[in-house]
Amino acid sequence: MIRSELLQALGRENPGLRAEEIEKVVNVFFDEIAQRLAKGGRVELRGFGSFSTRQRDARKGRNPRTGESVDVPGKNVPYFKPGKEIRARLNSD
């Protein structure tokens, strides 16, 4: 699902809301998650999962064009851990 499909689905489920209102809600939702993660925090959505960050260590990489060795600095990357309910949905037969 892409963002526009999410907006359309929310519009179908909430016919009383204008498209601009739905888009604003989605923007606030994702912005709040991103801001919390940028501050090193954690976001937990019960029944869905939790978002956090993990530290990726610095490493030696390789330039694919030249084959030359390059230093890749360490960085924080987003991490998602699905909740129990979503795992059960994915694995139900």
C-alpha atoms as a PDB file:
ATOM      1  CA  MET A   1       0.000   0.000   0.000  1.00  0.00           C
ATOM      2  CA  ILE A   2       1.251   3.450  -0.856  1.00  0.00           C
ATOM      3  CA  ARG A   3       0.360   6.727   0.822  1.00  0.00           C
ATOM      4  CA  SER A   4      -2.351   7.678  -1.703  1.00  0.00           C
ATOM      5  CA  GLU A   5      -4.039   4.289  -1.243  1.00  0.00           C
ATOM      6  CA  LEU A   6      -4.010   4.801   2.527  1.00  0.00           C
ATOM      7  CA  LEU A   7      -5.632   8.213   2.108  1.00  0.00           C
ATOM      8  CA  GLN A   8      -8.304   6.743  -0.176  1.00  0.00           C
ATOM      9  CA  ALA A   9      -9.052   3.912   2.271  1.00  0.00           C
ATOM     10  CA  LEU A  10      -9.385   6.373   5.147  1.00  0.00           C
ATOM     11  CA  GLY A  11     -11.678   8.511   2.984  1.00  0.00           C
ATOM     12  CA  ARG A  12     -13.944   5.543   2.265  1.00  0.00           C
ATOM     13  CA  GLU A  13     -14.100   4.649   5.969  1.00  0.00           C
ATOM     14  CA  ASN A  14     -14.728   8.270   7.046  1.00  0.00           C
ATOM     15  CA  PRO A  15     -17.026   9.915   4.475  1.00  0.00           C
ATOM     16  CA  GLY A  16     -17.685  12.844   6.837  1.00  0.00           C
ATOM     17  CA  LEU A  17     -14.092  14.064   6.555  1.00  0.00           C
ATOM     18  CA  ARG A  18     -12.703  16.107   3.668  1.00  0.00           C
ATOM     19  CA  ALA A  19      -9.626  14.844   1.805  1.00  0.00           C
ATOM     20  CA  GLU A  20      -7.546  17.718   3.222  1.00  0.00           C
ATOM     21  CA  GLU A  21      -8.477  16.755   6.781  1.00  0.00           C
ATOM     22  CA  ILE A  22      -7.562  13.122   6.203  1.00  0.00           C
ATOM     23  CA  GLU A  23      -4.230  14.096   4.682  1.00  0.00           C
ATOM     24  CA  LYS A  24      -3.486  16.391   7.627  1.00  0.00           C
ATOM     25  CA  VAL A  25      -4.187  13.584  10.128  1.00  0.00           C
ATOM     26  CA  VAL A  26      -1.896  11.185   8.238  1.00  0.00           C
ATOM     27  CA  ASN A  27       0.845  13.830   8.028  1.00  0.00           C
ATOM     28  CA  VAL A  28       0.661  14.547  11.772  1.00  0.00           C
ATOM     29  CA  PHE A  29       0.722  10.819  12.555  1.00  0.00           C
ATOM     30  CA  PHE A  30       3.877  10.133  10.527  1.00  0.00           C
ATOM     31  CA  ASP A  31       5.567  13.396  11.547  1.00  0.00           C
ATOM     32  CA  GLU A  32       5.100  12.623  15.244  1.00  0.00           C
ATOM     33  CA  ILE A  33       6.619   9.154  14.813  1.00  0.00           C
ATOM     34  CA  ALA A  34       9.583  10.579  12.882  1.00  0.00           C
ATOM     35  CA  GLN A  35      10.170  13.363  15.435  1.00  0.00           C
ATOM     36  CA  ARG A  36      10.109  10.952  18.367  1.00  0.00           C
ATOM     37  CA  LEU A  37      12.572   8.619  16.635  1.00  0.00           C
ATOM     38  CA  ALA A  38      14.844  11.548  15.728  1.00  0.00           C
ATOM     39  CA  LYS A  39      15.045  12.394  19.442  1.00  0.00           C
ATOM     40  CA  GLY A  40      16.083   8.820  20.202  1.00  0.00           C
ATOM     41  CA  GLY A  41      12.666   7.896  21.568  1.00  0.00           C
ATOM     42  CA  ARG A  42      10.376   4.953  20.987  1.00  0.00           C
ATOM     43  CA  VAL A  43       6.820   4.776  19.633  1.00  0.00           C
ATOM     44  CA  GLU A  44       4.584   1.901  20.689  1.00  0.00           C
ATOM     45  CA  LEU A  45       1.229   1.251  19.015  1.00  0.00           C
ATOM     46  CA  ARG A  46      -0.480  -1.483  21.026  1.00  0.00           C
ATOM     47  CA  GLY A  47      -1.667  -4.339  18.836  1.00  0.00           C
ATOM     48  CA  PHE A  48       0.438  -3.138  15.903  1.00  0.00           C
ATOM     49  CA  GLY A  49       4.059  -2.848  16.963  1.00  0.00           C
ATOM     50  CA  SER A  50       6.789  -0.502  18.103  1.00  0.00           C
ATOM     51  CA  PHE A  51       9.204   1.778  16.311  1.00  0.00           C
ATOM     52  CA  SER A  52      12.647   2.512  17.691  1.00  0.00           C
ATOM     53  CA  THR A  53      16.149   3.262  16.453  1.00  0.00           C
ATOM     54  CA  ARG A  54      19.232   1.122  16.426  1.00  0.00           C
ATOM     55  CA  GLN A  55      22.845   2.134  16.116  1.00  0.00           C
ATOM     56  CA  ARG A  56      24.624   0.805  13.054  1.00  0.00           C
ATOM     57  CA  ASP A  57      28.385   0.654  13.612  1.00  0.00           C
ATOM     58  CA  ALA A  58      30.934   2.280  11.323  1.00  0.00           C
ATOM     59  CA  ARG A  59      32.374  -0.111   8.766  1.00  0.00           C
ATOM     60  CA  LYS A  60      34.546  -0.446   5.708  1.00  0.00           C
ATOM     61  CA  GLY A  61      32.577  -0.348   2.487  1.00  0.00           C
ATOM     62  CA  ARG A  62      33.443  -0.598  -1.163  1.00  0.00           C
ATOM     63  CA  ASN A  63      32.781   1.839  -3.976  1.00  0.00           C
ATOM     64  CA  PRO A  64      31.007  -0.380  -6.545  1.00  0.00           C
ATOM     65  CA  ARG A  65      32.239   1.712  -9.466  1.00  0.00           C
ATOM     66  CA  THR A  66      35.946   1.709  -8.626  1.00  0.00           C
ATOM     67  CA  GLY A  67      36.262  -1.126  -6.115  1.00  0.00           C
ATOM     68  CA  GLU A  68      38.055   1.286  -3.772  1.00  0.00           C
ATOM     69  CA  SER A  69      37.624   0.791  -0.021  1.00  0.00           C
ATOM     70  CA  VAL A  70      35.726   3.607   1.738  1.00  0.00           C
ATOM     71  CA  ASP A  71      34.880   4.359   5.354  1.00  0.00           C
ATOM     72  CA  VAL A  72      31.129   4.274   6.072  1.00  0.00           C
ATOM     73  CA  PRO A  73      30.312   6.174   9.278  1.00  0.00           C
ATOM     74  CA  GLY A  74      28.064   4.775  11.986  1.00  0.00           C
ATOM     75  CA  LYS A  75      24.461   5.938  12.008  1.00  0.00           C
ATOM     76  CA  ASN A  76      21.075   5.469  13.591  1.00  0.00           C
ATOM     77  CA  VAL A  77      18.525   3.482  11.593  1.00  0.00           C
ATOM     78  CA  PRO A  78      14.798   2.995  12.208  1.00  0.00           C
ATOM     79  CA  TYR A  79      13.667  -0.390  13.490  1.00  0.00           C
ATOM     80  CA  PHE A  80      10.151  -1.847  13.641  1.00  0.00           C
ATOM     81  CA  LYS A  81       9.110  -4.752  15.847  1.00  0.00           C
ATOM     82  CA  PRO A  82       5.626  -6.097  15.068  1.00  0.00           C
ATOM     83  CA  GLY A  83       3.225  -6.687  17.955  1.00  0.00           C
ATOM     84  CA  LYS A  84       1.764 -10.019  18.980  1.00  0.00           C
ATOM     85  CA  GLU A  85      -1.602  -9.348  17.322  1.00  0.00           C
ATOM     86  CA  ILE A  86      -0.165  -8.421  13.925  1.00  0.00           C
ATOM     87  CA  ARG A  87       2.151 -11.454  13.964  1.00  0.00           C
ATOM     88  CA  ALA A  88      -0.866 -13.657  14.705  1.00  0.00           C
ATOM     89  CA  ARG A  89      -2.763 -12.133  11.753  1.00  0.00           C
ATOM     90  CA  LEU A  90       0.143 -12.719   9.400  1.00  0.00           C
ATOM     91  CA  ASN A  91       0.567 -16.336  10.430  1.00  0.00           C
ATOM     92  CA  SER A  92      -3.061 -17.444  10.741  1.00  0.00           C
ATOM     93  CA  ASP A  93      -4.177 -20.181   8.370  1.00  0.00           C
END
